[in-house]
Amino acid sequence: MQIREITVADNAQIKQIIQHSLKQEQLDIPGTAYFDPQLNDLYHYYQGIENAAYWVIADETTILGGIGIAPLNPSDEQHR
């Protein structure tokens, strides 16, 4: 296994993992990451944020999971 930065080719697999995990916990509801439009292209989303990164853990051909970090946008807090 290896931990590496996300690539464009990983987008579909990591989206599926995230949505599957949320659905298992009955969190496939509006307001969760399940419906975030960024989930369709996490590679470009994280590339477009300064001081942000997304990593995946993978075996030879399969993404097993992932994690991203990014600065908190204070304006997002006003909408919660």
PDB file of N, CA and C in Angstrom:
ATOM      1  N   MET A   1       0.834  -1.182   0.000  1.00  0.00           N
ATOM      2  CA  MET A   1       0.000   0.000   0.000  1.00  0.00           C
ATOM      3  C   MET A   1       0.876   1.242   0.000  1.00  0.00           C
ATOM      4  N   GLN A   2       0.306   2.301  -0.510  1.00  0.00           N
ATOM      5  CA  GLN A   2       1.025   3.567  -0.512  1.00  0.00           C
ATOM      6  C   GLN A   2       0.065   4.714  -0.219  1.00  0.00           C
ATOM      7  N   ILE A   3       0.589   5.746   0.405  1.00  0.00           N
ATOM      8  CA  ILE A   3      -0.136   6.991   0.601  1.00  0.00           C
ATOM      9  C   ILE A   3       0.480   7.989  -0.368  1.00  0.00           C
ATOM     10  N   ARG A   4      -0.385   8.624  -1.160  1.00  0.00           N
ATOM     11  CA  ARG A   4       0.098   9.556  -2.174  1.00  0.00           C
ATOM     12  C   ARG A   4      -0.949  10.633  -2.405  1.00  0.00           C
ATOM     13  N   GLU A   5      -0.528  11.699  -3.072  1.00  0.00           N
ATOM     14  CA  GLU A   5      -1.480  12.754  -3.406  1.00  0.00           C
ATOM     15  C   GLU A   5      -2.488  12.237  -4.429  1.00  0.00           C
ATOM     16  N   ILE A   6      -3.686  12.772  -4.337  1.00  0.00           N
ATOM     17  CA  ILE A   6      -4.760  12.388  -5.253  1.00  0.00           C
ATOM     18  C   ILE A   6      -4.400  12.786  -6.689  1.00  0.00           C
ATOM     19  N   THR A   7      -4.855  11.998  -7.642  1.00  0.00           N
ATOM     20  CA  THR A   7      -4.722  12.319  -9.063  1.00  0.00           C
ATOM     21  C   THR A   7      -6.121  12.409  -9.671  1.00  0.00           C
ATOM     22  N   VAL A   8      -6.209  12.936 -10.873  1.00  0.00           N
ATOM     23  CA  VAL A   8      -7.492  13.010 -11.569  1.00  0.00           C
ATOM     24  C   VAL A   8      -8.116  11.623 -11.686  1.00  0.00           C
ATOM     25  N   ALA A   9      -7.301  10.638 -11.932  1.00  0.00           N
ATOM     26  CA  ALA A   9      -7.798   9.272 -12.108  1.00  0.00           C
ATOM     27  C   ALA A   9      -8.429   8.703 -10.843  1.00  0.00           C
ATOM     28  N   ASP A  10      -8.161   9.305  -9.690  1.00  0.00           N
ATOM     29  CA  ASP A  10      -8.710   8.813  -8.421  1.00  0.00           C
ATOM     30  C   ASP A  10     -10.094   9.363  -8.111  1.00  0.00           C
ATOM     31  N   ASN A  11     -10.514  10.395  -8.821  1.00  0.00           N
ATOM     32  CA  ASN A  11     -11.750  11.091  -8.467  1.00  0.00           C
ATOM     33  C   ASN A  11     -12.955  10.171  -8.309  1.00  0.00           C
ATOM     34  N   ALA A  12     -13.222   9.329  -9.263  1.00  0.00           N
ATOM     35  CA  ALA A  12     -14.428   8.490  -9.222  1.00  0.00           C
ATOM     36  C   ALA A  12     -14.380   7.509  -8.055  1.00  0.00           C
ATOM     37  N   GLN A  13     -13.225   6.893  -7.819  1.00  0.00           N
ATOM     38  CA  GLN A  13     -13.128   5.911  -6.732  1.00  0.00           C
ATOM     39  C   GLN A  13     -13.281   6.566  -5.363  1.00  0.00           C
ATOM     40  N   ILE A  14     -12.669   7.727  -5.149  1.00  0.00           N
ATOM     41  CA  ILE A  14     -12.758   8.357  -3.842  1.00  0.00           C
ATOM     42  C   ILE A  14     -14.167   8.902  -3.610  1.00  0.00           C
ATOM     43  N   LYS A  15     -14.817   9.385  -4.661  1.00  0.00           N
ATOM     44  CA  LYS A  15     -16.215   9.813  -4.528  1.00  0.00           C
ATOM     45  C   LYS A  15     -17.086   8.645  -4.087  1.00  0.00           C
ATOM     46  N   GLN A  16     -16.895   7.507  -4.702  1.00  0.00           N
ATOM     47  CA  GLN A  16     -17.677   6.321  -4.365  1.00  0.00           C
ATOM     48  C   GLN A  16     -17.443   5.907  -2.909  1.00  0.00           C
ATOM     49  N   ILE A  17     -16.204   5.942  -2.457  1.00  0.00           N
ATOM     50  CA  ILE A  17     -15.881   5.577  -1.076  1.00  0.00           C
ATOM     51  C   ILE A  17     -16.551   6.534  -0.094  1.00  0.00           C
ATOM     52  N   ILE A  18     -16.441   7.822  -0.360  1.00  0.00           N
ATOM     53  CA  ILE A  18     -17.028   8.821   0.540  1.00  0.00           C
ATOM     54  C   ILE A  18     -18.545   8.662   0.599  1.00  0.00           C
ATOM     55  N   GLN A  19     -19.177   8.553  -0.558  1.00  0.00           N
ATOM     56  CA  GLN A  19     -20.633   8.425  -0.567  1.00  0.00           C
ATOM     57  C   GLN A  19     -21.084   7.113   0.072  1.00  0.00           C
ATOM     58  N   HIS A  20     -20.371   6.044  -0.163  1.00  0.00           N
ATOM     59  CA  HIS A  20     -20.717   4.757   0.460  1.00  0.00           C
ATOM     60  C   HIS A  20     -20.612   4.848   1.983  1.00  0.00           C
ATOM     61  N   SER A  21     -19.546   5.466   2.464  1.00  0.00           N
ATOM     62  CA  SER A  21     -19.351   5.602   3.914  1.00  0.00           C
ATOM     63  C   SER A  21     -20.455   6.441   4.542  1.00  0.00           C
ATOM     64  N   LEU A  22     -20.798   7.545   3.904  1.00  0.00           N
ATOM     65  CA  LEU A  22     -21.865   8.393   4.432  1.00  0.00           C
ATOM     66  C   LEU A  22     -23.210   7.674   4.412  1.00  0.00           C
ATOM     67  N   LYS A  23     -23.465   6.941   3.351  1.00  0.00           N
ATOM     68  CA  LYS A  23     -24.736   6.206   3.247  1.00  0.00           C
ATOM     69  C   LYS A  23     -24.840   5.144   4.333  1.00  0.00           C
ATOM     70  N   GLN A  24     -23.752   4.464   4.627  1.00  0.00           N
ATOM     71  CA  GLN A  24     -23.754   3.442   5.687  1.00  0.00           C
ATOM     72  C   GLN A  24     -24.150   4.037   7.028  1.00  0.00           C
ATOM     73  N   GLU A  25     -23.801   5.286   7.250  1.00  0.00           N
ATOM     74  CA  GLU A  25     -24.106   5.962   8.512  1.00  0.00           C
ATOM     75  C   GLU A  25     -25.390   6.796   8.405  1.00  0.00           C
ATOM     76  N   GLN A  26     -26.154   6.571   7.347  1.00  0.00           N
ATOM     77  CA  GLN A  26     -27.401   7.285   7.075  1.00  0.00           C
ATOM     78  C   GLN A  26     -27.183   8.799   6.989  1.00  0.00           C
ATOM     79  N   LEU A  27     -26.050   9.179   6.426  1.00  0.00           N
ATOM     80  CA  LEU A  27     -25.718  10.580   6.238  1.00  0.00           C
ATOM     81  C   LEU A  27     -25.746  10.974   4.762  1.00  0.00           C
ATOM     82  N   ASP A  28     -26.493  10.232   3.978  1.00  0.00           N
ATOM     83  CA  ASP A  28     -26.669  10.572   2.565  1.00  0.00           C
ATOM     84  C   ASP A  28     -27.842  11.546   2.453  1.00  0.00           C
ATOM     85  N   ILE A  29     -27.672  12.684   3.131  1.00  0.00           N
ATOM     86  CA  ILE A  29     -28.724  13.690   3.242  1.00  0.00           C
ATOM     87  C   ILE A  29     -28.167  15.062   2.840  1.00  0.00           C
ATOM     88  N   PRO A  30     -29.050  15.957   2.411  1.00  0.00           N
ATOM     89  CA  PRO A  30     -28.595  17.312   2.085  1.00  0.00           C
ATOM     90  C   PRO A  30     -27.879  17.955   3.276  1.00  0.00           C
ATOM     91  N   GLY A  31     -26.843  18.717   2.965  1.00  0.00           N
ATOM     92  CA  GLY A  31     -26.057  19.370   4.001  1.00  0.00           C
ATOM     93  C   GLY A  31     -24.796  18.621   4.368  1.00  0.00           C
ATOM     94  N   THR A  32     -24.642  17.397   3.863  1.00  0.00           N
ATOM     95  CA  THR A  32     -23.423  16.629   4.106  1.00  0.00           C
ATOM     96  C   THR A  32     -22.589  16.601   2.831  1.00  0.00           C
ATOM     97  N   ALA A  33     -21.382  16.106   2.951  1.00  0.00           N
ATOM     98  CA  ALA A  33     -20.491  16.001   1.792  1.00  0.00           C
ATOM     99  C   ALA A  33     -21.066  15.107   0.700  1.00  0.00           C
ATOM    100  N   TYR A  34     -22.033  14.272   1.037  1.00  0.00           N
ATOM    101  CA  TYR A  34     -22.630  13.369   0.059  1.00  0.00           C
ATOM    102  C   TYR A  34     -23.089  14.124  -1.195  1.00  0.00           C
ATOM    103  N   PHE A  35     -23.601  15.329  -1.007  1.00  0.00           N
ATOM    104  CA  PHE A  35     -24.131  16.104  -2.127  1.00  0.00           C
ATOM    105  C   PHE A  35     -23.232  17.260  -2.557  1.00  0.00           C
ATOM    106  N   ASP A  36     -22.045  17.380  -1.986  1.00  0.00           N
ATOM    107  CA  ASP A  36     -21.143  18.465  -2.370  1.00  0.00           C
ATOM    108  C   ASP A  36     -20.743  18.338  -3.840  1.00  0.00           C
ATOM    109  N   PRO A  37     -20.882  19.401  -4.615  1.00  0.00           N
ATOM    110  CA  PRO A  37     -20.481  19.328  -6.024  1.00  0.00           C
ATOM    111  C   PRO A  37     -18.976  19.094  -6.181  1.00  0.00           C
ATOM    112  N   GLN A  38     -18.178  19.512  -5.203  1.00  0.00           N
ATOM    113  CA  GLN A  38     -16.730  19.319  -5.260  1.00  0.00           C
ATOM    114  C   GLN A  38     -16.356  17.837  -5.241  1.00  0.00           C
ATOM    115  N   LEU A  39     -17.247  17.013  -4.759  1.00  0.00           N
ATOM    116  CA  LEU A  39     -16.977  15.577  -4.665  1.00  0.00           C
ATOM    117  C   LEU A  39     -16.747  14.946  -6.033  1.00  0.00           C
ATOM    118  N   ASN A  40     -17.250  15.581  -7.077  1.00  0.00           N
ATOM    119  CA  ASN A  40     -17.069  15.053  -8.433  1.00  0.00           C
ATOM    120  C   ASN A  40     -15.636  15.193  -8.934  1.00  0.00           C
ATOM    121  N   ASP A  41     -14.882  16.139  -8.361  1.00  0.00           N
ATOM    122  CA  ASP A  41     -13.523  16.393  -8.845  1.00  0.00           C
ATOM    123  C   ASP A  41     -12.656  16.908  -7.696  1.00  0.00           C
ATOM    124  N   LEU A  42     -12.407  16.057  -6.723  1.00  0.00           N
ATOM    125  CA  LEU A  42     -11.614  16.464  -5.565  1.00  0.00           C
ATOM    126  C   LEU A  42     -10.203  16.875  -5.952  1.00  0.00           C
ATOM    127  N   TYR A  43      -9.665  16.260  -6.992  1.00  0.00           N
ATOM    128  CA  TYR A  43      -8.319  16.621  -7.423  1.00  0.00           C
ATOM    129  C   TYR A  43      -8.237  18.117  -7.719  1.00  0.00           C
ATOM    130  N   HIS A  44      -9.085  18.593  -8.612  1.00  0.00           N
ATOM    131  CA  HIS A  44      -9.025  20.007  -8.992  1.00  0.00           C
ATOM    132  C   HIS A  44      -9.500  20.922  -7.864  1.00  0.00           C
ATOM    133  N   TYR A  45     -10.443  20.465  -7.079  1.00  0.00           N
ATOM    134  CA  TYR A  45     -10.909  21.269  -5.959  1.00  0.00           C
ATOM    135  C   TYR A  45      -9.750  21.585  -5.010  1.00  0.00           C
ATOM    136  N   TYR A  46      -8.999  20.558  -4.619  1.00  0.00           N
ATOM    137  CA  TYR A  46      -7.893  20.784  -3.686  1.00  0.00           C
ATOM    138  C   TYR A  46      -6.721  21.496  -4.357  1.00  0.00           C
ATOM    139  N   GLN A  47      -6.540  21.319  -5.651  1.00  0.00           N
ATOM    140  CA  GLN A  47      -5.492  22.041  -6.368  1.00  0.00           C
ATOM    141  C   GLN A  47      -5.768  23.540  -6.383  1.00  0.00           C
ATOM    142  N   GLY A  48      -7.041  23.902  -6.311  1.00  0.00           N
ATOM    143  CA  GLY A  48      -7.415  25.298  -6.388  1.00  0.00           C
ATOM    144  C   GLY A  48      -7.399  26.039  -5.054  1.00  0.00           C
ATOM    145  N   ILE A  49      -7.016  25.375  -3.986  1.00  0.00           N
ATOM    146  CA  ILE A  49      -6.984  26.003  -2.660  1.00  0.00           C
ATOM    147  C   ILE A  49      -5.539  26.098  -2.197  1.00  0.00           C
ATOM    148  N   GLU A  50      -5.138  27.288  -1.814  1.00  0.00           N
ATOM    149  CA  GLU A  50      -3.784  27.482  -1.303  1.00  0.00           C
ATOM    150  C   GLU A  50      -3.626  26.769   0.035  1.00  0.00           C
ATOM    151  N   ASN A  51      -2.489  26.143   0.233  1.00  0.00           N
ATOM    152  CA  ASN A  51      -2.168  25.418   1.475  1.00  0.00           C
ATOM    153  C   ASN A  51      -3.141  24.278   1.757  1.00  0.00           C
ATOM    154  N   ALA A  52      -3.575  23.591   0.714  1.00  0.00           N
ATOM    155  CA  ALA A  52      -4.482  22.459   0.858  1.00  0.00           C
ATOM    156  C   ALA A  52      -3.904  21.255   0.127  1.00  0.00           C
ATOM    157  N   ALA A  53      -4.317  20.080   0.545  1.00  0.00           N
ATOM    158  CA  ALA A  53      -3.880  18.851  -0.126  1.00  0.00           C
ATOM    159  C   ALA A  53      -4.867  17.736   0.181  1.00  0.00           C
ATOM    160  N   TYR A  54      -4.910  16.759  -0.697  1.00  0.00           N
ATOM    161  CA  TYR A  54      -5.736  15.568  -0.496  1.00  0.00           C
ATOM    162  C   TYR A  54      -4.868  14.360  -0.825  1.00  0.00           C
ATOM    163  N   TRP A  55      -4.859  13.402   0.079  1.00  0.00           N
ATOM    164  CA  TRP A  55      -4.080  12.177  -0.107  1.00  0.00           C
ATOM    165  C   TRP A  55      -5.006  10.985  -0.144  1.00  0.00           C
ATOM    166  N   VAL A  56      -4.585   9.977  -0.863  1.00  0.00           N
ATOM    167  CA  VAL A  56      -5.299   8.700  -0.892  1.00  0.00           C
ATOM    168  C   VAL A  56      -4.354   7.597  -0.432  1.00  0.00           C
ATOM    169  N   ILE A  57      -4.959   6.540   0.073  1.00  0.00           N
ATOM    170  CA  ILE A  57      -4.200   5.321   0.356  1.00  0.00           C
ATOM    171  C   ILE A  57      -4.674   4.301  -0.669  1.00  0.00           C
ATOM    172  N   ALA A  58      -3.725   3.656  -1.315  1.00  0.00           N
ATOM    173  CA  ALA A  58      -4.069   2.772  -2.425  1.00  0.00           C
ATOM    174  C   ALA A  58      -3.199   1.531  -2.416  1.00  0.00           C
ATOM    175  N   ASP A  59      -3.786   0.455  -2.954  1.00  0.00           N
ATOM    176  CA  ASP A  59      -2.946  -0.699  -3.262  1.00  0.00           C
ATOM    177  C   ASP A  59      -2.608  -0.582  -4.739  1.00  0.00           C
ATOM    178  N   GLU A  60      -2.308  -1.639  -5.395  1.00  0.00           N
ATOM    179  CA  GLU A  60      -1.873  -1.569  -6.795  1.00  0.00           C
ATOM    180  C   GLU A  60      -2.871  -0.851  -7.714  1.00  0.00           C
ATOM    181  N   THR A  61      -4.183  -1.156  -7.566  1.00  0.00           N
ATOM    182  CA  THR A  61      -5.163  -0.612  -8.509  1.00  0.00           C
ATOM    183  C   THR A  61      -6.381   0.022  -7.847  1.00  0.00           C
ATOM    184  N   THR A  62      -6.479  -0.068  -6.534  1.00  0.00           N
ATOM    185  CA  THR A  62      -7.695   0.348  -5.847  1.00  0.00           C
ATOM    186  C   THR A  62      -7.415   1.404  -4.797  1.00  0.00           C
ATOM    187  N   ILE A  63      -8.233   2.447  -4.785  1.00  0.00           N
ATOM    188  CA  ILE A  63      -8.180   3.447  -3.730  1.00  0.00           C
ATOM    189  C   ILE A  63      -8.929   2.866  -2.532  1.00  0.00           C
ATOM    190  N   LEU A  64      -8.315   2.924  -1.369  1.00  0.00           N
ATOM    191  CA  LEU A  64      -8.906   2.359  -0.159  1.00  0.00           C
ATOM    192  C   LEU A  64      -9.490   3.427   0.759  1.00  0.00           C
ATOM    193  N   GLY A  65      -9.047   4.659   0.606  1.00  0.00           N
ATOM    194  CA  GLY A  65      -9.543   5.754   1.433  1.00  0.00           C
ATOM    195  C   GLY A  65      -8.776   7.011   1.120  1.00  0.00           C
ATOM    196  N   GLY A  66      -9.150   8.086   1.793  1.00  0.00           N
ATOM    197  CA  GLY A  66      -8.470   9.340   1.562  1.00  0.00           C
ATOM    198  C   GLY A  66      -8.747  10.344   2.655  1.00  0.00           C
ATOM    199  N   ILE A  67      -7.976  11.421   2.632  1.00  0.00           N
ATOM    200  CA  ILE A  67      -8.144  12.505   3.585  1.00  0.00           C
ATOM    201  C   ILE A  67      -7.628  13.794   2.970  1.00  0.00           C
ATOM    202  N   GLY A  68      -8.315  14.873   3.267  1.00  0.00           N
ATOM    203  CA  GLY A  68      -7.891  16.168   2.769  1.00  0.00           C
ATOM    204  C   GLY A  68      -7.801  17.172   3.894  1.00  0.00           C
ATOM    205  N   ILE A  69      -6.916  18.140   3.704  1.00  0.00           N
ATOM    206  CA  ILE A  69      -6.814  19.258   4.634  1.00  0.00           C
ATOM    207  C   ILE A  69      -6.819  20.547   3.831  1.00  0.00           C
ATOM    208  N   ALA A  70      -7.441  21.556   4.412  1.00  0.00           N
ATOM    209  CA  ALA A  70      -7.508  22.862   3.764  1.00  0.00           C
ATOM    210  C   ALA A  70      -7.776  23.898   4.838  1.00  0.00           C
ATOM    211  N   PRO A  71      -7.359  25.123   4.598  1.00  0.00           N
ATOM    212  CA  PRO A  71      -7.649  26.178   5.566  1.00  0.00           C
ATOM    213  C   PRO A  71      -9.160  26.376   5.710  1.00  0.00           C
ATOM    214  N   LEU A  72      -9.570  26.695   6.904  1.00  0.00           N
ATOM    215  CA  LEU A  72     -10.966  27.010   7.156  1.00  0.00           C
ATOM    216  C   LEU A  72     -11.272  28.380   6.579  1.00  0.00           C
ATOM    217  N   ASN A  73     -12.342  28.460   5.825  1.00  0.00           N
ATOM    218  CA  ASN A  73     -12.759  29.727   5.251  1.00  0.00           C
ATOM    219  C   ASN A  73     -13.727  30.378   6.233  1.00  0.00           C
ATOM    220  N   PRO A  74     -13.331  31.458   6.889  1.00  0.00           N
ATOM    221  CA  PRO A  74     -14.206  32.078   7.898  1.00  0.00           C
ATOM    222  C   PRO A  74     -15.579  32.450   7.358  1.00  0.00           C
ATOM    223  N   SER A  75     -15.700  32.778   6.078  1.00  0.00           N
ATOM    224  CA  SER A  75     -17.004  33.126   5.527  1.00  0.00           C
ATOM    225  C   SER A  75     -17.945  31.926   5.495  1.00  0.00           C
ATOM    226  N   ASP A  76     -17.400  30.696   5.451  1.00  0.00           N
ATOM    227  CA  ASP A  76     -18.239  29.496   5.499  1.00  0.00           C
ATOM    228  C   ASP A  76     -18.947  29.377   6.836  1.00  0.00           C
ATOM    229  N   GLU A  77     -18.300  29.805   7.905  1.00  0.00           N
ATOM    230  CA  GLU A  77     -18.875  29.699   9.241  1.00  0.00           C
ATOM    231  C   GLU A  77     -20.120  30.567   9.388  1.00  0.00           C
ATOM    232  N   GLN A  78     -20.209  31.640   8.656  1.00  0.00           N
ATOM    233  CA  GLN A  78     -21.362  32.522   8.749  1.00  0.00           C
ATOM    234  C   GLN A  78     -22.626  31.871   8.185  1.00  0.00           C
ATOM    235  N   HIS A  79     -22.459  30.865   7.347  1.00  0.00           N
ATOM    236  CA  HIS A  79     -23.593  30.216   6.695  1.00  0.00           C
ATOM    237  C   HIS A  79     -24.082  28.992   7.467  1.00  0.00           C
ATOM    238  N   ARG A  80     -23.470  28.677   8.571  1.00  0.00           N
ATOM    239  CA  ARG A  80     -23.857  27.468   9.322  1.00  0.00           C
ATOM    240  C   ARG A  80     -24.842  27.785  10.401  1.00  0.00           C
TER     241      ARG A  80
END
